[in-house]
Each structure stands twice: as C-alpha cells, then as structure tokens.
C-alpha cells in the first residue's frame, strides 16, 4: 500500500510561558538555567506528542529551545556582537501602513540581530547537546519510533542575518562559518537525527538581507553559499540531510520574490537529498511546473509546502491531495514528502498562526496525504 510521509519545516509556536524567557536569555538578561531547561523539556515533550497525534511522519523538537532559526548561533559561536538595524523587505519598504499592521498582527521582532565583528569560531556545542538530550527524551516518551530531524542554520543563512563587518570578503566570512558550523551538523547526524539545513538565503535574501545586490551578484553569492554548505556537510550522507528554501514567512505582497526558475539550478547543486520548498502560497504555487520541467537528479526527494503558514485557514484535505498529486506525477510517491511552506514559529513571539490551528493544519496534511496515497494504490 502506498504511504506518503508528512513533515513540516521545523519551528513551532513557543507559547506565552517560554517566549519571554527566550527573549530575556537572548538579550543577555539573567535567568535560571534549571528552570529554563525544565520549561523547554516540557514544551518539547508536548510538541512531540502533538506531532505524533497529528500523524506527522518526520517530527522535530519545534526549535523550542532557540529564540529563532537563524539567530540562535550567537550563543554557540564567537565573533558576533551588537544589534544591526533591519531594512524592510523590498516589497514592504514602500508600504509603511502595511508594515505597521503586520507588526501588530505578527508581533515585534525583539530578538538580537548581531554583526560579525571578529574571527568566527566555535565557542560551545553545549546548547546543541541540550537540544539533543531533550529531544531524545521526548521521543523516548512520545515518539513511538518515529523519524526525527533537527534544524541548523546554513553558513549562507548566517551571512544574510548576521552581516559581515570583519572579513575582507563574503567568501572569507563563509569559509570561517564552514569550519565553525561543521561540528554542529556532524554532531546532529551522529546523534541519529536527520539534519535540516535552513537556506532562505537562496531565495528570500534576494529581497531582504542581500537586497542591495543586483541579480547577477546575488546569483554568484548564493552559488558560493551552496558550495559552503556542501563543504560543511561533506562527511554527512545526502540522504541524512534536508534543506529548506523559502521567500519569507510573512504576509506581504511578495512582488520582489526572485522566481524559482532563476535559482533552481543552484539549489539542485546542494548535497542534501530532500528539498523543502514553498508550493502553497499564492506567489509560488504555480511553480510546480518548474520542478516538473527541471532535470532532477534521481536521488532528490521533493518536500513541497502544501500548507500555508501565514494564514489561519485550514486547508481542505482534498486540496492538499491535489497538490501532492502534482509532485507524485513528477517523481513518484516514494520521492515526495508532504510538508509546509515554512515554520509555524520562526522566531519567539513572532507569527500569526494560532497554536491550536497548527495542529489542525498538520492533521489536515495527514488526511490529504492519505487521500492522495489511496488514489495511487
């Protein structure tokens, strides 16, 4: 019988108890480490149990011990300091009233956006070991042997969020990040988890962190980012890795998103076997034809986003099934994993999806995958 696996991009809502503590910790305020660990462990246990109950095949720890998917690295690496001002995304820059409305809905981005101001090197892997310990404990109690993954920021993503104010070039900054981040990737794989490399730099950064580049420079930059990712993960089997690309988990015009067709060849050079990408939101759902027409290597697994993480609408399972069938027609059911467009809680205190709706959406994803599988059997 055909079975279609389901997953999501990784981050889950952190809740009103955990969010203030994560933000305080990120800001360098004093906190009780034991109380923090207890609270995060409880949240990870609940998240794993809820994912399993929703029928998720490949689960995560929700990144619940991190303030955000891209900025958590400043507690693990040396060489960062300060707090850089964030430019509005190009689509939102001329729309100040919309930016204000979105901030009221999504929440303030209170996390630290540090700058690279000194040589980058590994400071400690202790927070990762804590993540692994808590996740393994939750899986032992609630996972029922399910597959599991942990997120990690790719070298290129770090350059897009933590600007370089020290190294003579982007390539030099990348090279330092390869050496600094490799131990995290390898320790995650050694612990038995699939490693998800988060790579919004390959798409979203065209209109955010790299917005001052022209398109040719952007394409050269992300090609270098993929080379860096490949170097940093050279000792990990491709089938033990996933990568996520997206154009930004926010409700905006997205009229400056770079088209998938301009970047897909670069994306396909990356070593991870599974590619998670947006395929549900209104600016990118049509791009399933780009995947259809691309020369996909035989070892690539497509994990299209079939759930929009910017809306509290719960997608109908039949719609999800129809979306799945577009991709199973391209590579077959064994090379498709039903996923979400982006994370449900990319940063602590930021996001519009109600936590209860998260589980409704993931249950609908399971139901849609089952409908599609039944039609393929």
Protein backbone atom coordinates (compact mmCIF):
# COMPACT_ATOMS: atom_id res chain seq x y z
CA UNK A 1 0.00 0.00 0.00
CA UNK A 2 1.27 3.47 -0.89
CA UNK A 3 2.14 5.68 2.08
CA UNK A 4 3.11 9.33 1.71
CA UNK A 5 5.22 10.71 4.53
CA UNK A 6 4.42 14.06 6.14
CA UNK A 7 6.63 16.55 7.91
CA UNK A 8 6.98 20.30 8.46
CA UNK A 9 9.77 22.86 8.30
CA UNK A 10 10.72 22.67 11.96
CA UNK A 11 9.75 25.60 14.12
CA UNK A 12 6.57 25.52 16.23
CA UNK A 13 4.87 28.21 18.35
CA UNK A 14 6.72 28.64 21.63
CA UNK A 15 3.79 29.78 23.77
CA UNK A 16 3.33 32.59 26.33
CA UNK A 17 5.44 30.99 29.07
CA UNK A 18 8.50 30.16 27.02
CA UNK A 19 8.66 33.22 24.75
CA UNK A 20 9.52 35.86 27.41
CA UNK A 21 12.26 33.64 28.83
CA UNK A 22 13.79 33.01 25.40
CA UNK A 23 13.81 36.74 24.63
CA UNK A 24 15.30 37.62 28.01
CA UNK A 25 18.01 35.00 27.56
CA UNK A 26 18.73 36.30 24.05
CA UNK A 27 19.09 39.83 25.44
CA UNK A 28 21.67 38.67 28.00
CA UNK A 29 19.41 39.11 31.00
CA UNK A 30 19.92 36.80 34.00
CA UNK A 31 17.80 33.65 34.11
CA UNK A 32 17.59 30.35 35.96
CA UNK A 33 19.18 27.66 33.71
CA UNK A 34 17.48 24.79 35.57
CA UNK A 35 14.04 26.41 35.29
CA UNK A 36 14.71 27.15 31.60
CA UNK A 37 15.67 23.55 30.91
CA UNK A 38 12.58 22.23 32.69
CA UNK A 39 10.27 24.56 30.77
CA UNK A 40 11.84 23.73 27.39
CA UNK A 41 11.75 19.99 28.12
CA UNK A 42 8.07 20.20 28.95
CA UNK A 43 7.38 22.16 25.74
CA UNK A 44 9.36 19.68 23.59
CA UNK A 45 7.50 16.74 25.14
CA UNK A 46 4.18 18.38 24.37
CA UNK A 47 5.25 19.25 20.82
CA UNK A 48 6.44 15.73 20.00
CA UNK A 49 3.26 14.21 21.41
CA UNK A 50 1.11 16.65 19.41
CA UNK A 51 3.02 15.96 16.17
CA UNK A 52 2.61 12.21 16.58
CA UNK A 53 -1.10 12.64 17.38
CA UNK A 54 -1.49 14.75 14.22
CA UNK A 55 0.04 11.97 12.13
CA UNK A 56 3.34 13.69 11.31
CA UNK A 57 5.81 11.11 9.98
CA UNK A 58 9.07 13.06 10.46
CA UNK A 59 8.95 15.22 13.59
CA UNK A 60 11.14 17.95 15.10
CA UNK A 61 11.75 19.45 18.53
CA UNK A 62 9.97 22.61 17.29
CA UNK A 63 13.20 24.60 17.82
CA UNK A 64 11.65 25.38 21.19
CA UNK A 65 14.98 25.96 22.90
CA UNK A 66 16.01 28.60 20.35
CA UNK A 67 14.94 32.22 20.07
CA UNK A 68 14.95 31.90 16.28
CA UNK A 69 16.03 29.64 13.45
CA UNK A 70 18.77 31.96 12.16
CA UNK A 71 19.99 34.00 15.13
CA UNK A 72 20.47 31.27 17.77
CA UNK A 73 24.07 30.82 16.59
CA UNK A 74 25.37 33.82 18.54
CA UNK A 75 25.33 31.77 21.75
CA UNK A 76 27.29 28.97 20.08
CA UNK A 77 29.84 30.91 18.02
CA UNK A 78 32.36 33.62 18.83
CA UNK A 79 32.85 36.69 16.67
CA UNK A 80 29.46 38.39 16.90
CA UNK A 81 28.24 41.47 18.72
CA UNK A 82 25.92 44.44 18.64
CA UNK A 83 22.49 44.55 17.05
CA UNK A 84 22.15 45.51 13.38
CA UNK A 85 19.22 47.50 12.05
CA UNK A 86 16.99 45.53 9.71
CA UNK A 87 15.99 47.00 6.37
CA UNK A 88 12.36 46.40 5.36
CA UNK A 89 11.90 43.79 2.67
CA UNK A 90 11.73 45.38 -0.77
CA UNK A 91 8.05 44.56 -1.22
CA UNK A 92 7.16 46.16 2.13
CA UNK A 93 9.51 49.16 2.00
CA UNK A 94 7.05 51.47 0.19
CA UNK A 95 4.12 50.34 2.36
CA UNK A 96 4.62 51.76 5.87
CA UNK A 97 0.98 51.36 6.88
CA UNK A 98 1.02 47.68 5.94
CA UNK A 99 4.28 47.19 7.85
CA UNK A 100 2.61 48.69 10.90
CA UNK A 101 -0.42 46.43 10.55
CA UNK A 102 1.74 43.36 10.11
CA UNK A 103 3.79 44.22 13.20
CA UNK A 104 0.57 44.46 15.21
CA UNK A 105 -0.58 41.06 13.92
CA UNK A 106 2.70 39.16 13.79
CA UNK A 107 4.38 40.62 16.87
CA UNK A 108 7.56 42.61 17.30
CA UNK A 109 10.87 41.09 16.23
CA UNK A 110 12.65 41.64 19.54
CA UNK A 111 15.48 39.15 19.02
CA UNK A 112 19.11 40.24 18.60
CA UNK A 113 20.46 40.66 15.05
CA UNK A 114 24.17 40.58 15.74
CA UNK A 115 27.01 41.59 13.40
CA UNK A 116 30.19 39.66 12.63
CA UNK A 117 32.84 41.85 14.27
CA UNK A 118 35.71 39.40 14.96
CA UNK A 119 37.06 36.00 13.86
CA UNK A 120 34.24 33.44 13.83
CA UNK A 121 34.88 30.16 15.61
CA UNK A 122 33.01 27.61 17.67
CA UNK A 123 32.52 28.62 21.29
CA UNK A 124 30.42 25.72 22.59
CA UNK A 125 28.17 22.90 21.44
CA UNK A 126 26.55 22.62 24.86
CA UNK A 127 23.23 24.18 23.73
CA UNK A 128 23.08 21.64 20.88
CA UNK A 129 23.75 18.77 23.27
CA UNK A 130 20.91 20.12 25.43
CA UNK A 131 18.62 20.18 22.37
CA UNK A 132 19.60 16.59 21.54
CA UNK A 133 19.10 15.38 25.12
CA UNK A 134 15.68 16.97 25.44
CA UNK A 135 14.54 15.76 22.03
CA UNK A 136 15.71 12.19 22.62
CA UNK A 137 13.88 12.14 25.94
CA UNK A 138 10.66 13.39 24.34
CA UNK A 139 10.97 10.85 21.51
CA UNK A 140 11.51 8.02 24.00
CA UNK A 141 8.34 9.03 25.83
CA UNK A 142 6.09 10.04 22.92
CA UNK A 143 7.75 9.30 19.59
CA UNK A 144 6.80 5.67 19.02
CA UNK A 145 9.94 5.16 16.92
CA UNK A 146 9.11 7.98 14.52
CA UNK A 147 11.74 9.59 12.27
CA UNK A 148 13.08 12.87 13.56
CA UNK A 149 15.10 15.88 12.42
CA UNK A 150 16.82 18.89 13.96
CA UNK A 151 17.23 22.27 12.28
CA UNK A 152 20.51 24.11 11.77
CA UNK A 153 21.33 27.42 10.15
CA UNK A 154 23.30 27.04 6.92
CA UNK A 155 26.50 29.08 6.51
CA UNK A 156 24.83 31.27 3.88
CA UNK A 157 21.81 31.95 6.07
CA UNK A 158 24.08 33.23 8.83
CA UNK A 159 25.69 35.72 6.43
CA UNK A 160 22.26 37.03 5.45
CA UNK A 161 21.12 37.61 9.03
CA UNK A 162 24.42 38.48 10.73
CA UNK A 163 26.11 40.98 8.38
CA UNK A 164 29.86 40.88 7.87
CA UNK A 165 31.77 43.78 9.38
CA UNK A 166 35.08 41.98 9.85
CA UNK A 167 36.16 39.72 6.97
CA UNK A 168 37.58 41.18 3.74
CA UNK A 169 35.01 39.37 1.60
CA UNK A 170 31.84 37.30 1.64
CA UNK A 171 33.87 34.24 0.68
CA UNK A 172 36.22 34.69 3.63
CA UNK A 173 33.26 35.03 6.00
CA UNK A 174 31.71 31.88 4.51
CA UNK A 175 34.94 29.90 4.89
CA UNK A 176 35.09 30.73 8.59
CA UNK A 177 31.44 29.72 9.02
CA UNK A 178 32.05 26.38 7.30
CA UNK A 179 34.64 25.47 9.93
CA UNK A 180 32.58 26.90 12.79
CA UNK A 181 29.27 25.20 11.88
CA UNK A 182 30.57 21.81 10.69
CA UNK A 183 30.72 20.38 14.25
CA UNK A 184 27.03 21.21 14.81
CA UNK A 185 25.94 19.47 11.62
CA UNK A 186 28.07 16.41 12.29
CA UNK A 187 27.03 16.12 15.96
CA UNK A 188 23.36 16.26 14.94
CA UNK A 189 23.84 13.49 12.38
CA UNK A 190 25.90 11.43 14.84
CA UNK A 191 23.01 11.65 17.33
CA UNK A 192 20.82 9.85 14.79
CA UNK A 193 18.75 12.79 13.58
CA UNK A 194 18.22 13.98 10.04
CA UNK A 195 19.93 17.35 9.64
CA UNK A 196 17.80 20.12 8.18
CA UNK A 197 19.86 22.96 6.73
CA UNK A 198 17.76 26.11 6.66
CA UNK A 199 18.58 28.06 3.48
CA UNK A 200 16.22 31.03 2.97
CA UNK A 201 19.34 32.88 1.82
CA UNK A 202 18.92 31.09 -1.52
CA UNK A 203 15.58 32.84 -2.22
CA UNK A 204 14.24 35.21 0.45
CA UNK A 205 17.50 37.10 0.85
CA UNK A 206 17.22 38.48 -2.67
CA UNK A 207 14.69 41.00 -1.30
CA UNK A 208 15.85 41.07 2.35
CA UNK A 209 19.42 40.52 3.57
CA UNK A 210 21.04 40.74 0.12
CA UNK A 211 18.69 43.34 -1.32
CA UNK A 212 21.50 45.78 -2.21
CA UNK A 213 22.95 43.31 -4.73
CA UNK A 214 21.91 43.15 -8.35
CA UNK A 215 20.63 39.81 -9.60
CA UNK A 216 23.95 38.67 -11.07
CA UNK A 217 25.78 39.33 -7.80
CA UNK A 218 23.01 37.62 -5.86
CA UNK A 219 23.28 34.50 -8.01
CA UNK A 220 27.07 34.41 -7.56
CA UNK A 221 26.61 34.83 -3.82
CA UNK A 222 24.12 32.02 -3.38
CA UNK A 223 26.21 29.73 -5.58
CA UNK A 224 29.07 30.35 -3.13
CA UNK A 225 26.67 29.70 -0.24
CA UNK A 226 25.76 26.29 -1.69
CA UNK A 227 29.45 25.44 -2.11
CA UNK A 228 29.98 26.36 1.54
CA UNK A 229 27.04 24.20 2.63
CA UNK A 230 28.46 21.29 0.66
CA UNK A 231 31.89 21.71 2.22
CA UNK A 232 30.48 21.93 5.74
CA UNK A 233 28.42 18.74 5.27
CA UNK A 234 30.94 16.72 3.26
CA UNK A 235 31.09 14.00 5.92
CA UNK A 236 27.29 13.52 6.13
CA UNK A 237 25.41 11.31 3.69
CA UNK A 238 23.00 13.27 1.44
CA UNK A 239 20.09 11.01 2.43
CA UNK A 240 20.61 12.03 6.07
CA UNK A 241 20.02 15.70 5.22
CA UNK A 242 17.19 18.01 4.20
CA UNK A 243 17.32 21.64 3.11
CA UNK A 244 14.63 24.30 3.29
CA UNK A 245 14.29 27.23 0.93
CA UNK A 246 11.64 29.94 1.12
CA UNK A 247 10.80 33.51 0.18
CA UNK A 248 9.90 34.68 3.68
CA UNK A 249 7.27 33.59 6.18
CA UNK A 250 5.27 36.80 6.24
CA UNK A 251 2.03 38.01 4.71
CA UNK A 252 3.07 40.68 2.23
CA UNK A 253 2.89 41.40 -1.49
CA UNK A 254 6.00 39.31 -2.27
CA UNK A 255 6.21 41.13 -5.59
CA UNK A 256 10.01 41.19 -5.35
CA UNK A 257 10.47 37.44 -4.85
CA UNK A 258 13.03 36.03 -7.24
CA UNK A 259 11.38 33.40 -9.47
CA UNK A 260 12.24 29.78 -8.76
CA UNK A 261 13.38 29.24 -12.35
CA UNK A 262 16.30 31.66 -11.79
CA UNK A 263 17.67 29.76 -8.80
CA UNK A 264 16.64 26.12 -9.19
CA UNK A 265 19.89 25.02 -10.86
CA UNK A 266 21.86 26.41 -7.91
CA UNK A 267 19.51 24.76 -5.40
CA UNK A 268 19.96 21.39 -7.09
CA UNK A 269 23.75 21.59 -6.60
CA UNK A 270 23.32 21.28 -2.81
CA UNK A 271 24.13 17.90 -1.27
CA UNK A 272 21.01 17.32 0.91
CA UNK A 273 18.72 14.76 -0.73
CA UNK A 274 15.41 16.24 0.46
CA UNK A 275 14.38 19.72 -0.64
CA UNK A 276 11.62 21.51 1.28
CA UNK A 277 10.14 24.48 -0.60
CA UNK A 278 7.09 26.70 -0.77
CA UNK A 279 4.34 25.37 -3.03
CA UNK A 280 1.13 26.56 -1.35
CA UNK A 281 1.30 30.33 -1.11
CA UNK A 282 -0.22 32.42 -3.94
CA UNK A 283 3.14 33.70 -5.29
CA UNK A 284 4.72 30.29 -5.71
CA UNK A 285 2.07 27.56 -6.04
CA UNK A 286 2.26 27.84 -9.83
CA UNK A 287 5.96 26.96 -9.78
CA UNK A 288 5.26 23.23 -9.54
CA UNK A 289 5.79 23.29 -13.30
CA UNK A 290 9.39 24.42 -12.75
CA UNK A 291 10.04 21.25 -10.75
CA UNK A 292 8.27 19.24 -13.45
CA UNK A 293 10.48 20.64 -16.18
CA UNK A 294 13.77 20.61 -14.25
CA UNK A 295 16.41 17.93 -14.70
CA UNK A 296 16.06 16.46 -11.22
CA UNK A 297 18.79 14.09 -10.04
CA UNK A 298 17.43 10.63 -9.24
CA UNK A 299 18.38 10.92 -5.58
CA UNK A 300 16.41 14.11 -4.88
CA UNK A 301 13.25 13.90 -2.74
CA UNK A 302 10.71 16.72 -3.08
CA UNK A 303 9.02 18.01 0.07
CA UNK A 304 6.63 20.67 -1.25
CA UNK A 305 4.88 23.02 1.12
CA UNK A 306 1.19 22.13 0.89
CA UNK A 307 0.15 24.18 3.93
CA UNK A 308 0.38 27.98 4.11
CA UNK A 309 1.96 29.03 7.41
CA UNK A 310 0.91 32.69 7.01
CA UNK A 311 -2.83 32.01 7.27
CA UNK A 312 -5.14 30.53 9.89
CA UNK A 313 -7.26 28.97 7.16
CA UNK A 314 -7.07 25.19 7.50
CA UNK A 315 -6.55 23.76 4.03
CA UNK A 316 -9.09 21.16 2.94
CA UNK A 317 -7.57 17.65 2.73
CA UNK A 318 -8.80 17.29 -0.85
CA UNK A 319 -6.87 20.43 -1.86
CA UNK A 320 -3.79 19.02 -0.17
CA UNK A 321 -4.23 15.74 -2.03
CA UNK A 322 -4.49 17.56 -5.35
CA UNK A 323 -1.32 19.49 -4.60
CA UNK A 324 0.50 16.27 -3.66
CA UNK A 325 -0.55 14.62 -6.91
CA UNK A 326 1.21 17.31 -8.94
CA UNK A 327 4.51 16.20 -7.45
CA UNK A 328 3.95 12.45 -7.34
CA UNK A 329 3.31 12.71 -11.08
CA UNK A 330 6.82 14.17 -11.43
CA UNK A 331 8.96 11.87 -9.26
CA UNK A 332 6.65 9.17 -7.87
CA UNK A 333 5.10 8.80 -4.43
CA UNK A 334 8.27 7.35 -2.90
CA UNK A 335 10.12 10.60 -3.60
CA UNK A 336 7.50 13.02 -2.23
CA UNK A 337 7.11 14.13 1.39
CA UNK A 338 4.12 16.33 2.19
CA UNK A 339 5.35 19.39 4.08
CA UNK A 340 4.57 23.00 4.98
CA UNK A 341 5.62 26.22 3.29
CA UNK A 342 7.67 27.43 6.25
CA UNK A 343 7.87 27.18 10.03
CA UNK A 344 4.94 27.90 12.31
CA UNK A 345 7.08 29.92 14.75
CA UNK A 346 10.28 31.11 13.08
CA UNK A 347 11.11 33.48 15.95
CA UNK A 348 9.93 33.61 19.55
CA UNK A 349 6.99 35.98 19.84
CA UNK A 350 6.64 36.37 16.06
CA UNK A 351 3.95 34.77 13.90
CA UNK A 352 0.21 34.90 13.33
CA UNK A 353 -0.74 31.20 13.40
CA UNK A 354 -2.73 30.26 16.49
CA UNK A 355 -1.04 27.27 18.19
CA UNK A 356 -4.27 25.24 18.07
CA UNK A 357 -4.53 25.88 14.32
CA UNK A 358 -1.03 24.46 13.86
CA UNK A 359 -2.25 21.01 14.90
CA UNK A 360 -5.41 21.34 12.79
CA UNK A 361 -3.28 22.10 9.74
CA UNK A 362 -0.93 19.18 10.38
CA UNK A 363 -3.88 16.81 10.82
CA UNK A 364 -5.30 18.07 7.51
CA UNK A 365 -1.89 17.46 5.93
CA UNK A 366 -2.01 13.83 7.09
CA UNK A 367 -5.56 13.42 5.80
CA UNK A 368 -4.64 14.89 2.43
CA UNK A 369 -1.59 12.65 2.15
CA UNK A 370 -3.76 9.63 2.89
CA UNK A 371 -6.30 10.64 0.23
CA UNK A 372 -3.55 11.01 -2.36
CA UNK A 373 -1.94 7.72 -1.33
CA UNK A 374 -5.22 5.85 -1.64
CA UNK A 375 -5.68 7.13 -5.18
CA UNK A 376 -2.16 6.00 -6.07
CA UNK A 377 -2.53 2.50 -4.63
